[in-house]
PDB file of all heavy atoms in Angstrom:
ATOM      1  N   PRO A   1      12.130   2.542  -8.212  1.00  0.00           N
ATOM      2  CA  PRO A   1      12.154   3.319  -6.964  1.00  0.00           C
ATOM      3  C   PRO A   1      12.652   4.747  -7.233  1.00  0.00           C
ATOM      4  O   PRO A   1      13.694   4.937  -7.854  1.00  0.00           O
ATOM      5  CB  PRO A   1      13.145   2.552  -6.082  1.00  0.00           C
ATOM      6  CG  PRO A   1      13.214   1.182  -6.675  1.00  0.00           C
ATOM      7  CD  PRO A   1      13.031   1.386  -8.134  1.00  0.00           C
ATOM      8  N   ILE A   2      11.893   5.729  -6.766  1.00  0.00           N
ATOM      9  CA  ILE A   2      12.225   7.140  -6.985  1.00  0.00           C
ATOM     10  C   ILE A   2      12.485   7.806  -5.635  1.00  0.00           C
ATOM     11  O   ILE A   2      11.753   7.594  -4.664  1.00  0.00           O
ATOM     12  CB  ILE A   2      11.083   7.853  -7.724  1.00  0.00           C
ATOM     13  CG1 ILE A   2      10.950   7.279  -9.143  1.00  0.00           C
ATOM     14  CG2 ILE A   2      11.334   9.362  -7.807  1.00  0.00           C
ATOM     15  CD1 ILE A   2       9.751   7.778  -9.891  1.00  0.00           C
ATOM     16  N   PHE A   3      13.544   8.612  -5.591  1.00  0.00           N
ATOM     17  CA  PHE A   3      13.952   9.286  -4.356  1.00  0.00           C
ATOM     18  C   PHE A   3      13.977  10.792  -4.606  1.00  0.00           C
ATOM     19  O   PHE A   3      14.492  11.252  -5.620  1.00  0.00           O
ATOM     20  CB  PHE A   3      15.328   8.788  -3.924  1.00  0.00           C
ATOM     21  CG  PHE A   3      15.373   7.297  -3.690  1.00  0.00           C
ATOM     22  CD1 PHE A   3      15.511   6.415  -4.755  1.00  0.00           C
ATOM     23  CD2 PHE A   3      15.261   6.785  -2.415  1.00  0.00           C
ATOM     24  CE1 PHE A   3      15.539   5.045  -4.544  1.00  0.00           C
ATOM     25  CE2 PHE A   3      15.293   5.421  -2.194  1.00  0.00           C
ATOM     26  CZ  PHE A   3      15.435   4.549  -3.255  1.00  0.00           C
ATOM     27  N   ILE A   4      13.441  11.542  -3.650  1.00  0.00           N
ATOM     28  CA  ILE A   4      13.297  12.987  -3.817  1.00  0.00           C
ATOM     29  C   ILE A   4      14.017  13.733  -2.696  1.00  0.00           C
ATOM     30  O   ILE A   4      13.967  13.333  -1.531  1.00  0.00           O
ATOM     31  CB  ILE A   4      11.806  13.381  -3.842  1.00  0.00           C
ATOM     32  CG1 ILE A   4      11.114  12.726  -5.045  1.00  0.00           C
ATOM     33  CG2 ILE A   4      11.629  14.891  -3.917  1.00  0.00           C
ATOM     34  CD1 ILE A   4       9.617  12.903  -5.070  1.00  0.00           C
ATOM     35  N   GLY A   5      14.695  14.813  -3.078  1.00  0.00           N
ATOM     36  CA  GLY A   5      15.362  15.663  -2.092  1.00  0.00           C
ATOM     37  C   GLY A   5      16.529  14.970  -1.415  1.00  0.00           C
ATOM     38  O   GLY A   5      17.348  14.312  -2.057  1.00  0.00           O
ATOM     39  N   LYS A   6      16.602  15.086  -0.098  1.00  0.00           N
ATOM     40  CA  LYS A   6      17.713  14.508   0.653  1.00  0.00           C
ATOM     41  C   LYS A   6      17.755  12.985   0.568  1.00  0.00           C
ATOM     42  O   LYS A   6      18.795  12.373   0.814  1.00  0.00           O
ATOM     43  CB  LYS A   6      17.639  14.947   2.118  1.00  0.00           C
ATOM     44  CG  LYS A   6      17.876  16.443   2.322  1.00  0.00           C
ATOM     45  CD  LYS A   6      17.824  16.804   3.790  1.00  0.00           C
ATOM     46  CE  LYS A   6      18.079  18.293   4.001  1.00  0.00           C
ATOM     47  NZ  LYS A   6      18.036  18.671   5.432  1.00  0.00           N
ATOM     48  N   ALA A   7      16.624  12.387   0.206  1.00  0.00           N
ATOM     49  CA  ALA A   7      16.576  10.927   0.094  1.00  0.00           C
ATOM     50  C   ALA A   7      17.506  10.409  -1.000  1.00  0.00           C
ATOM     51  O   ALA A   7      17.929   9.252  -0.957  1.00  0.00           O
ATOM     52  CB  ALA A   7      15.154  10.466  -0.184  1.00  0.00           C
ATOM     53  N   THR A   8      17.845  11.258  -1.969  1.00  0.00           N
ATOM     54  CA  THR A   8      18.741  10.813  -3.046  1.00  0.00           C
ATOM     55  C   THR A   8      20.111  10.420  -2.506  1.00  0.00           C
ATOM     56  O   THR A   8      20.799   9.591  -3.100  1.00  0.00           O
ATOM     57  CB  THR A   8      18.900  11.910  -4.114  1.00  0.00           C
ATOM     58  OG1 THR A   8      19.389  13.104  -3.495  1.00  0.00           O
ATOM     59  CG2 THR A   8      17.583  12.205  -4.803  1.00  0.00           C
ATOM     60  N   LYS A   9      20.511  11.008  -1.383  1.00  0.00           N
ATOM     61  CA  LYS A   9      21.812  10.680  -0.798  1.00  0.00           C
ATOM     62  C   LYS A   9      21.831   9.277  -0.209  1.00  0.00           C
ATOM     63  O   LYS A   9      22.890   8.724   0.067  1.00  0.00           O
ATOM     64  CB  LYS A   9      22.166  11.694   0.294  1.00  0.00           C
ATOM     65  CG  LYS A   9      22.337  13.125  -0.227  1.00  0.00           C
ATOM     66  CD  LYS A   9      22.677  14.075   0.905  1.00  0.00           C
ATOM     67  CE  LYS A   9      22.855  15.496   0.401  1.00  0.00           C
ATOM     68  NZ  LYS A   9      23.174  16.448   1.491  1.00  0.00           N
ATOM     69  N   ARG A  10      20.637   8.716  -0.007  1.00  0.00           N
ATOM     70  CA  ARG A  10      20.548   7.398   0.628  1.00  0.00           C
ATOM     71  C   ARG A  10      20.575   6.259  -0.394  1.00  0.00           C
ATOM     72  O   ARG A  10      20.666   5.097  -0.004  1.00  0.00           O
ATOM     73  CB  ARG A  10      19.255   7.305   1.450  1.00  0.00           C
ATOM     74  CG  ARG A  10      19.121   8.384   2.529  1.00  0.00           C
ATOM     75  CD  ARG A  10      20.159   8.237   3.614  1.00  0.00           C
ATOM     76  NE  ARG A  10      19.928   9.139   4.723  1.00  0.00           N
ATOM     77  CZ  ARG A  10      20.463  10.350   4.837  1.00  0.00           C
ATOM     78  NH1 ARG A  10      21.256  10.799   3.866  1.00  0.00           N
ATOM     79  NH2 ARG A  10      20.217  11.108   5.885  1.00  0.00           N
ATOM     80  N   ILE A  11      20.500   6.572  -1.683  1.00  0.00           N
ATOM     81  CA  ILE A  11      20.452   5.512  -2.697  1.00  0.00           C
ATOM     82  C   ILE A  11      21.646   4.564  -2.589  1.00  0.00           C
ATOM     83  O   ILE A  11      21.478   3.343  -2.595  1.00  0.00           O
ATOM     84  CB  ILE A  11      20.348   6.106  -4.122  1.00  0.00           C
ATOM     85  CG1 ILE A  11      19.023   6.871  -4.266  1.00  0.00           C
ATOM     86  CG2 ILE A  11      20.426   5.000  -5.167  1.00  0.00           C
ATOM     87  CD1 ILE A  11      18.871   7.578  -5.609  1.00  0.00           C
ATOM     88  N   PRO A  12      22.893   5.071  -2.472  1.00  0.00           N
ATOM     89  CA  PRO A  12      24.039   4.151  -2.367  1.00  0.00           C
ATOM     90  C   PRO A  12      24.028   3.316  -1.086  1.00  0.00           C
ATOM     91  O   PRO A  12      24.732   2.306  -0.999  1.00  0.00           O
ATOM     92  CB  PRO A  12      25.259   5.090  -2.388  1.00  0.00           C
ATOM     93  CG  PRO A  12      24.759   6.360  -2.998  1.00  0.00           C
ATOM     94  CD  PRO A  12      23.342   6.477  -2.543  1.00  0.00           C
ATOM     95  N   LEU A  13      23.231   3.754  -0.098  1.00  0.00           N
ATOM     96  CA  LEU A  13      23.217   3.059   1.187  1.00  0.00           C
ATOM     97  C   LEU A  13      22.169   1.956   1.262  1.00  0.00           C
ATOM     98  O   LEU A  13      22.072   1.270   2.280  1.00  0.00           O
ATOM     99  CB  LEU A  13      22.964   4.076   2.314  1.00  0.00           C
ATOM    100  CG  LEU A  13      23.974   5.230   2.415  1.00  0.00           C
ATOM    101  CD1 LEU A  13      23.583   6.165   3.555  1.00  0.00           C
ATOM    102  CD2 LEU A  13      25.388   4.703   2.621  1.00  0.00           C
ATOM    103  N   LEU A  14      21.387   1.789   0.200  1.00  0.00           N
ATOM    104  CA  LEU A  14      20.382   0.734   0.208  1.00  0.00           C
ATOM    105  C   LEU A  14      21.049  -0.619   0.412  1.00  0.00           C
ATOM    106  O   LEU A  14      22.071  -0.930  -0.201  1.00  0.00           O
ATOM    107  CB  LEU A  14      19.616   0.721  -1.120  1.00  0.00           C
ATOM    108  CG  LEU A  14      18.653   1.888  -1.374  1.00  0.00           C
ATOM    109  CD1 LEU A  14      18.130   1.826  -2.809  1.00  0.00           C
ATOM    110  CD2 LEU A  14      17.488   1.839  -0.401  1.00  0.00           C
ATOM    111  N   GLU A  15      20.487  -1.423   1.289  1.00  0.00           N
ATOM    112  CA  GLU A  15      21.079  -2.725   1.585  1.00  0.00           C
ATOM    113  C   GLU A  15      20.951  -3.691   0.406  1.00  0.00           C
ATOM    114  O   GLU A  15      21.795  -4.549   0.201  1.00  0.00           O
ATOM    115  CB  GLU A  15      20.403  -3.329   2.824  1.00  0.00           C
ATOM    116  CG  GLU A  15      20.697  -2.573   4.116  1.00  0.00           C
ATOM    117  CD  GLU A  15      20.089  -3.251   5.324  1.00  0.00           C
ATOM    118  OE1 GLU A  15      19.507  -4.329   5.153  1.00  0.00           O
ATOM    119  OE2 GLU A  15      20.199  -2.707   6.438  1.00  0.00           O
ATOM    120  N   ASN A  16      19.889  -3.532  -0.369  1.00  0.00           N
ATOM    121  CA  ASN A  16      19.601  -4.484  -1.432  1.00  0.00           C
ATOM    122  C   ASN A  16      19.459  -3.751  -2.762  1.00  0.00           C
ATOM    123  O   ASN A  16      18.553  -2.949  -2.940  1.00  0.00           O
ATOM    124  CB  ASN A  16      18.304  -5.240  -1.100  1.00  0.00           C
ATOM    125  CG  ASN A  16      17.900  -6.208  -2.193  1.00  0.00           C
ATOM    126  OD1 ASN A  16      18.630  -6.446  -3.136  1.00  0.00           O
ATOM    127  ND2 ASN A  16      16.711  -6.782  -2.052  1.00  0.00           N
ATOM    128  N   HIS A  17      20.369  -4.015  -3.693  1.00  0.00           N
ATOM    129  CA  HIS A  17      20.291  -3.404  -5.025  1.00  0.00           C
ATOM    130  C   HIS A  17      19.907  -4.435  -6.089  1.00  0.00           C
ATOM    131  O   HIS A  17      19.994  -4.151  -7.285  1.00  0.00           O
ATOM    132  CB  HIS A  17      21.640  -2.775  -5.399  1.00  0.00           C
ATOM    133  CG  HIS A  17      21.899  -1.472  -4.715  1.00  0.00           C
ATOM    134  ND1 HIS A  17      21.519  -0.261  -5.251  1.00  0.00           N
ATOM    135  CD2 HIS A  17      22.487  -1.184  -3.525  1.00  0.00           C
ATOM    136  CE1 HIS A  17      21.878   0.714  -4.439  1.00  0.00           C
ATOM    137  NE2 HIS A  17      22.459   0.184  -3.378  1.00  0.00           N
ATOM    138  N   ASP A  18      19.480  -5.627  -5.660  1.00  0.00           N
ATOM    139  CA  ASP A  18      19.141  -6.674  -6.616  1.00  0.00           C
ATOM    140  C   ASP A  18      17.825  -6.373  -7.327  1.00  0.00           C
ATOM    141  O   ASP A  18      16.994  -5.597  -6.849  1.00  0.00           O
ATOM    142  CB  ASP A  18      19.048  -8.024  -5.910  1.00  0.00           C
ATOM    143  CG  ASP A  18      20.388  -8.469  -5.340  1.00  0.00           C
ATOM    144  OD1 ASP A  18      21.424  -8.017  -5.869  1.00  0.00           O
ATOM    145  OD2 ASP A  18      20.395  -9.244  -4.370  1.00  0.00           O
ATOM    146  N   LYS A  19      17.647  -7.012  -8.493  1.00  0.00           N
ATOM    147  CA  LYS A  19      16.458  -6.804  -9.314  1.00  0.00           C
ATOM    148  C   LYS A  19      15.845  -8.152  -9.679  1.00  0.00           C
ATOM    149  O   LYS A  19      16.520  -9.182  -9.675  1.00  0.00           O
ATOM    150  CB  LYS A  19      16.809  -6.056 -10.615  1.00  0.00           C
ATOM    151  CG  LYS A  19      17.675  -4.806 -10.455  1.00  0.00           C
ATOM    152  CD  LYS A  19      16.919  -3.647  -9.885  1.00  0.00           C
ATOM    153  CE  LYS A  19      17.642  -2.319 -10.038  1.00  0.00           C
ATOM    154  NZ  LYS A  19      18.989  -2.251  -9.467  1.00  0.00           N
ATOM    155  N   SER A  20      14.560  -8.141 -10.015  1.00  0.00           N
ATOM    156  CA  SER A  20      13.898  -9.335 -10.535  1.00  0.00           C
ATOM    157  C   SER A  20      13.021  -8.936 -11.718  1.00  0.00           C
ATOM    158  O   SER A  20      12.487  -7.821 -11.760  1.00  0.00           O
ATOM    159  CB  SER A  20      13.063 -10.029  -9.448  1.00  0.00           C
ATOM    160  OG  SER A  20      12.067  -9.159  -8.943  1.00  0.00           O
ATOM    161  N   TYR A  21      12.906  -9.862 -12.690  1.00  0.00           N
ATOM    162  CA  TYR A  21      12.215  -9.546 -13.937  1.00  0.00           C
ATOM    163  C   TYR A  21      11.416 -10.737 -14.457  1.00  0.00           C
ATOM    164  O   TYR A  21      11.725 -11.892 -14.158  1.00  0.00           O
ATOM    165  CB  TYR A  21      13.227  -9.192 -15.041  1.00  0.00           C
ATOM    166  CG  TYR A  21      14.106  -8.009 -14.773  1.00  0.00           C
ATOM    167  CD1 TYR A  21      15.341  -8.164 -14.139  1.00  0.00           C
ATOM    168  CD2 TYR A  21      13.727  -6.721 -15.171  1.00  0.00           C
ATOM    169  CE1 TYR A  21      16.167  -7.065 -13.905  1.00  0.00           C
ATOM    170  CE2 TYR A  21      14.551  -5.628 -14.945  1.00  0.00           C
ATOM    171  CZ  TYR A  21      15.764  -5.807 -14.317  1.00  0.00           C
ATOM    172  OH  TYR A  21      16.585  -4.727 -14.083  1.00  0.00           O
ATOM    173  N   ILE A  22      10.430 -10.419 -15.276  1.00  0.00           N
ATOM    174  CA  ILE A  22       9.805 -11.380 -16.166  1.00  0.00           C
ATOM    175  C   ILE A  22      10.108 -10.875 -17.572  1.00  0.00           C
ATOM    176  O   ILE A  22       9.765  -9.733 -17.912  1.00  0.00           O
ATOM    177  CB  ILE A  22       8.282 -11.489 -15.969  1.00  0.00           C
ATOM    178  CG1 ILE A  22       7.947 -11.973 -14.554  1.00  0.00           C
ATOM    179  CG2 ILE A  22       7.664 -12.409 -17.014  1.00  0.00           C
ATOM    180  CD1 ILE A  22       8.349 -13.410 -14.275  1.00  0.00           C
ATOM    181  N   ALA A  23      10.766 -11.703 -18.384  1.00  0.00           N
ATOM    182  CA  ALA A  23      11.195 -11.272 -19.710  1.00  0.00           C
ATOM    183  C   ALA A  23      10.681 -12.221 -20.780  1.00  0.00           C
ATOM    184  O   ALA A  23      10.900 -13.435 -20.703  1.00  0.00           O
ATOM    185  CB  ALA A  23      12.716 -11.204 -19.775  1.00  0.00           C
ATOM    186  N   ASN A  24       9.996 -11.681 -21.773  1.00  0.00           N
ATOM    187  CA  ASN A  24       9.598 -12.460 -22.940  1.00  0.00           C
ATOM    188  C   ASN A  24      10.714 -12.414 -23.975  1.00  0.00           C
ATOM    189  O   ASN A  24      11.387 -11.384 -24.117  1.00  0.00           O
ATOM    190  CB  ASN A  24       8.311 -11.900 -23.551  1.00  0.00           C
ATOM    191  CG  ASN A  24       7.093 -12.151 -22.678  1.00  0.00           C
ATOM    192  OD1 ASN A  24       7.215 -12.517 -21.509  1.00  0.00           O
ATOM    193  ND2 ASN A  24       5.912 -11.952 -23.230  1.00  0.00           N
ATOM    194  N   PHE A  25      10.888 -13.499 -24.706  1.00  0.00           N
ATOM    195  CA  PHE A  25      11.974 -13.541 -25.681  1.00  0.00           C
ATOM    196  C   PHE A  25      11.567 -14.305 -26.930  1.00  0.00           C
ATOM    197  O   PHE A  25      10.589 -15.061 -26.936  1.00  0.00           O
ATOM    198  CB  PHE A  25      13.229 -14.177 -25.068  1.00  0.00           C
ATOM    199  CG  PHE A  25      13.088 -15.642 -24.737  1.00  0.00           C
ATOM    200  CD1 PHE A  25      13.454 -16.621 -25.660  1.00  0.00           C
ATOM    201  CD2 PHE A  25      12.581 -16.058 -23.510  1.00  0.00           C
ATOM    202  CE1 PHE A  25      13.338 -17.972 -25.367  1.00  0.00           C
ATOM    203  CE2 PHE A  25      12.465 -17.403 -23.204  1.00  0.00           C
ATOM    204  CZ  PHE A  25      12.832 -18.367 -24.137  1.00  0.00           C
ATOM    205  N   GLN A  26      12.328 -14.084 -27.984  1.00  0.00           N
ATOM    206  CA  GLN A  26      12.131 -14.795 -29.239  1.00  0.00           C
ATOM    207  C   GLN A  26      13.476 -15.242 -29.770  1.00  0.00           C
ATOM    208  O   GLN A  26      14.415 -14.444 -29.860  1.00  0.00           O
ATOM    209  CB  GLN A  26      11.434 -13.902 -30.266  1.00  0.00           C
ATOM    210  CG  GLN A  26      11.226 -14.572 -31.622  1.00  0.00           C
ATOM    211  CD  GLN A  26      10.538 -13.667 -32.630  1.00  0.00           C
ATOM    212  OE1 GLN A  26       9.925 -12.667 -32.257  1.00  0.00           O
ATOM    213  NE2 GLN A  26      10.627 -14.007 -33.901  1.00  0.00           N
ATOM    214  N   LEU A  27      13.594 -16.503 -30.122  1.00  0.00           N
ATOM    215  CA  LEU A  27      14.808 -17.030 -30.717  1.00  0.00           C
ATOM    216  C   LEU A  27      14.709 -16.947 -32.248  1.00  0.00           C
ATOM    217  O   LEU A  27      13.632 -16.782 -32.805  1.00  0.00           O
ATOM    218  CB  LEU A  27      15.031 -18.480 -30.284  1.00  0.00           C
ATOM    219  CG  LEU A  27      15.171 -18.717 -28.773  1.00  0.00           C
ATOM    220  CD1 LEU A  27      15.386 -20.202 -28.499  1.00  0.00           C
ATOM    221  CD2 LEU A  27      16.300 -17.887 -28.182  1.00  0.00           C
ATOM    222  N   GLY A  28      15.865 -17.059 -32.907  1.00  0.00           N
ATOM    223  CA  GLY A  28      15.883 -17.067 -34.362  1.00  0.00           C
ATOM    224  C   GLY A  28      16.086 -15.721 -35.005  1.00  0.00           C
ATOM    225  O   GLY A  28      16.049 -15.599 -36.231  1.00  0.00           O
ATOM    226  N   VAL A  29      16.325 -14.701 -34.207  1.00  0.00           N
ATOM    227  CA  VAL A  29      16.542 -13.363 -34.746  1.00  0.00           C
ATOM    228  C   VAL A  29      17.513 -12.610 -33.845  1.00  0.00           C
ATOM    229  O   VAL A  29      17.538 -12.822 -32.633  1.00  0.00           O
ATOM    230  CB  VAL A  29      15.205 -12.587 -34.890  1.00  0.00           C
ATOM    231  CG1 VAL A  29      14.541 -12.399 -33.536  1.00  0.00           C
ATOM    232  CG2 VAL A  29      15.417 -11.251 -35.567  1.00  0.00           C
ATOM    233  N   THR A  30      18.326 -11.740 -34.445  1.00  0.00           N
ATOM    234  CA  THR A  30      19.262 -10.895 -33.705  1.00  0.00           C
ATOM    235  C   THR A  30      19.085  -9.466 -34.188  1.00  0.00           C
ATOM    236  O   THR A  30      18.918  -9.215 -35.381  1.00  0.00           O
ATOM    237  CB  THR A  30      20.716 -11.323 -33.959  1.00  0.00           C
ATOM    238  OG1 THR A  30      20.869 -12.708 -33.630  1.00  0.00           O
ATOM    239  CG2 THR A  30      21.694 -10.506 -33.120  1.00  0.00           C
ATOM    240  N   THR A  31      19.107  -8.499 -33.251  1.00  0.00           N
ATOM    241  CA  THR A  31      19.004  -7.084 -33.614  1.00  0.00           C
ATOM    242  C   THR A  31      20.158  -6.309 -32.994  1.00  0.00           C
ATOM    243  O   THR A  31      20.834  -6.788 -32.087  1.00  0.00           O
ATOM    244  CB  THR A  31      17.675  -6.464 -33.135  1.00  0.00           C
ATOM    245  OG1 THR A  31      17.679  -6.379 -31.697  1.00  0.00           O
ATOM    246  CG2 THR A  31      16.477  -7.275 -33.595  1.00  0.00           C
ATOM    247  N   ASP A  32      20.355  -5.083 -33.475  1.00  0.00           N
ATOM    248  CA  ASP A  32      21.468  -4.283 -32.961  1.00  0.00           C
ATOM    249  C   ASP A  32      21.252  -3.809 -31.534  1.00  0.00           C
ATOM    250  O   ASP A  32      22.214  -3.483 -30.836  1.00  0.00           O
ATOM    251  CB  ASP A  32      21.744  -3.082 -33.887  1.00  0.00           C
ATOM    252  CG  ASP A  32      20.527  -2.188 -34.085  1.00  0.00           C
ATOM    253  OD1 ASP A  32      19.418  -2.530 -33.603  1.00  0.00           O
ATOM    254  OD2 ASP A  32      20.667  -1.134 -34.738  1.00  0.00           O
ATOM    255  N   THR A  33      20.015  -3.795 -31.067  1.00  0.00           N
ATOM    256  CA  THR A  33      19.733  -3.378 -29.687  1.00  0.00           C
ATOM    257  C   THR A  33      19.513  -4.564 -28.756  1.00  0.00           C
ATOM    258  O   THR A  33      19.318  -4.395 -27.566  1.00  0.00           O
ATOM    259  CB  THR A  33      18.483  -2.486 -29.624  1.00  0.00           C
ATOM    260  OG1 THR A  33      17.361  -3.223 -30.144  1.00  0.00           O
ATOM    261  CG2 THR A  33      18.669  -1.203 -30.420  1.00  0.00           C
ATOM    262  N   GLN A  34      19.499  -5.765 -29.314  1.00  0.00           N
ATOM    263  CA  GLN A  34      19.259  -7.009 -28.586  1.00  0.00           C
ATOM    264  C   GLN A  34      17.815  -7.142 -28.105  1.00  0.00           C
ATOM    265  O   GLN A  34      17.513  -7.997 -27.287  1.00  0.00           O
ATOM    266  CB  GLN A  34      20.241  -7.160 -27.412  1.00  0.00           C
ATOM    267  CG  GLN A  34      21.698  -7.147 -27.860  1.00  0.00           C
ATOM    268  CD  GLN A  34      22.685  -7.253 -26.725  1.00  0.00           C
ATOM    269  OE1 GLN A  34      22.331  -7.091 -25.555  1.00  0.00           O
ATOM    270  NE2 GLN A  34      23.944  -7.534 -27.036  1.00  0.00           N
ATOM    271  N   ASP A  35      16.937  -6.285 -28.617  1.00  0.00           N
ATOM    272  CA  ASP A  35      15.514  -6.405 -28.297  1.00  0.00           C
ATOM    273  C   ASP A  35      14.690  -6.135 -29.552  1.00  0.00           C
ATOM    274  O   ASP A  35      15.229  -5.831 -30.622  1.00  0.00           O
ATOM    275  CB  ASP A  35      15.113  -5.494 -27.133  1.00  0.00           C
ATOM    276  CG  ASP A  35      15.313  -4.008 -27.441  1.00  0.00           C
ATOM    277  OD1 ASP A  35      15.276  -3.621 -28.616  1.00  0.00           O
ATOM    278  OD2 ASP A  35      15.503  -3.229 -26.493  1.00  0.00           O
ATOM    279  N   ILE A  36      13.381  -6.207 -29.410  1.00  0.00           N
ATOM    280  CA  ILE A  36      12.478  -6.116 -30.555  1.00  0.00           C
ATOM    281  C   ILE A  36      12.432  -4.721 -31.167  1.00  0.00           C
ATOM    282  O   ILE A  36      11.971  -4.544 -32.299  1.00  0.00           O
ATOM    283  CB  ILE A  36      11.056  -6.575 -30.140  1.00  0.00           C
ATOM    284  CG1 ILE A  36      10.228  -6.944 -31.376  1.00  0.00           C
ATOM    285  CG2 ILE A  36      10.387  -5.509 -29.272  1.00  0.00           C
ATOM    286  CD1 ILE A  36       8.919  -7.614 -31.038  1.00  0.00           C
ATOM    287  N   SER A  37      12.945  -3.714 -30.474  1.00  0.00           N
ATOM    288  CA  SER A  37      12.900  -2.345 -30.978  1.00  0.00           C
ATOM    289  C   SER A  37      14.001  -2.043 -31.989  1.00  0.00           C
ATOM    290  O   SER A  37      13.965  -1.024 -32.666  1.00  0.00           O
ATOM    291  CB  SER A  37      13.011  -1.347 -29.816  1.00  0.00           C
ATOM    292  OG  SER A  37      14.326  -1.359 -29.273  1.00  0.00           O
ATOM    293  N   GLY A  38      14.983  -2.935 -32.095  1.00  0.00           N
ATOM    294  CA  GLY A  38      16.149  -2.655 -32.922  1.00  0.00           C
ATOM    295  C   GLY A  38      16.011  -3.079 -34.379  1.00  0.00           C
ATOM    296  O   GLY A  38      14.979  -3.596 -34.817  1.00  0.00           O
ATOM    297  N   THR A  39      17.093  -2.860 -35.115  1.00  0.00           N
ATOM    298  CA  THR A  39      17.178  -3.245 -36.520  1.00  0.00           C
ATOM    299  C   THR A  39      17.692  -4.671 -36.632  1.00  0.00           C
ATOM    300  O   THR A  39      18.705  -5.022 -36.020  1.00  0.00           O
ATOM    301  CB  THR A  39      18.132  -2.297 -37.281  1.00  0.00           C
ATOM    302  OG1 THR A  39      17.642  -0.955 -37.168  1.00  0.00           O
ATOM    303  CG2 THR A  39      18.222  -2.682 -38.745  1.00  0.00           C
TER     304      THR A  39
END
């Protein structure tokens, strides 16, 4: 969600700040970033 101009002042007033995701994962490996982009 992107807010422009005076609307930016309303971000803290949003009733719902929850998020939902679909996440793919792989077991058996660990990286420094905790994702596939890391070392």
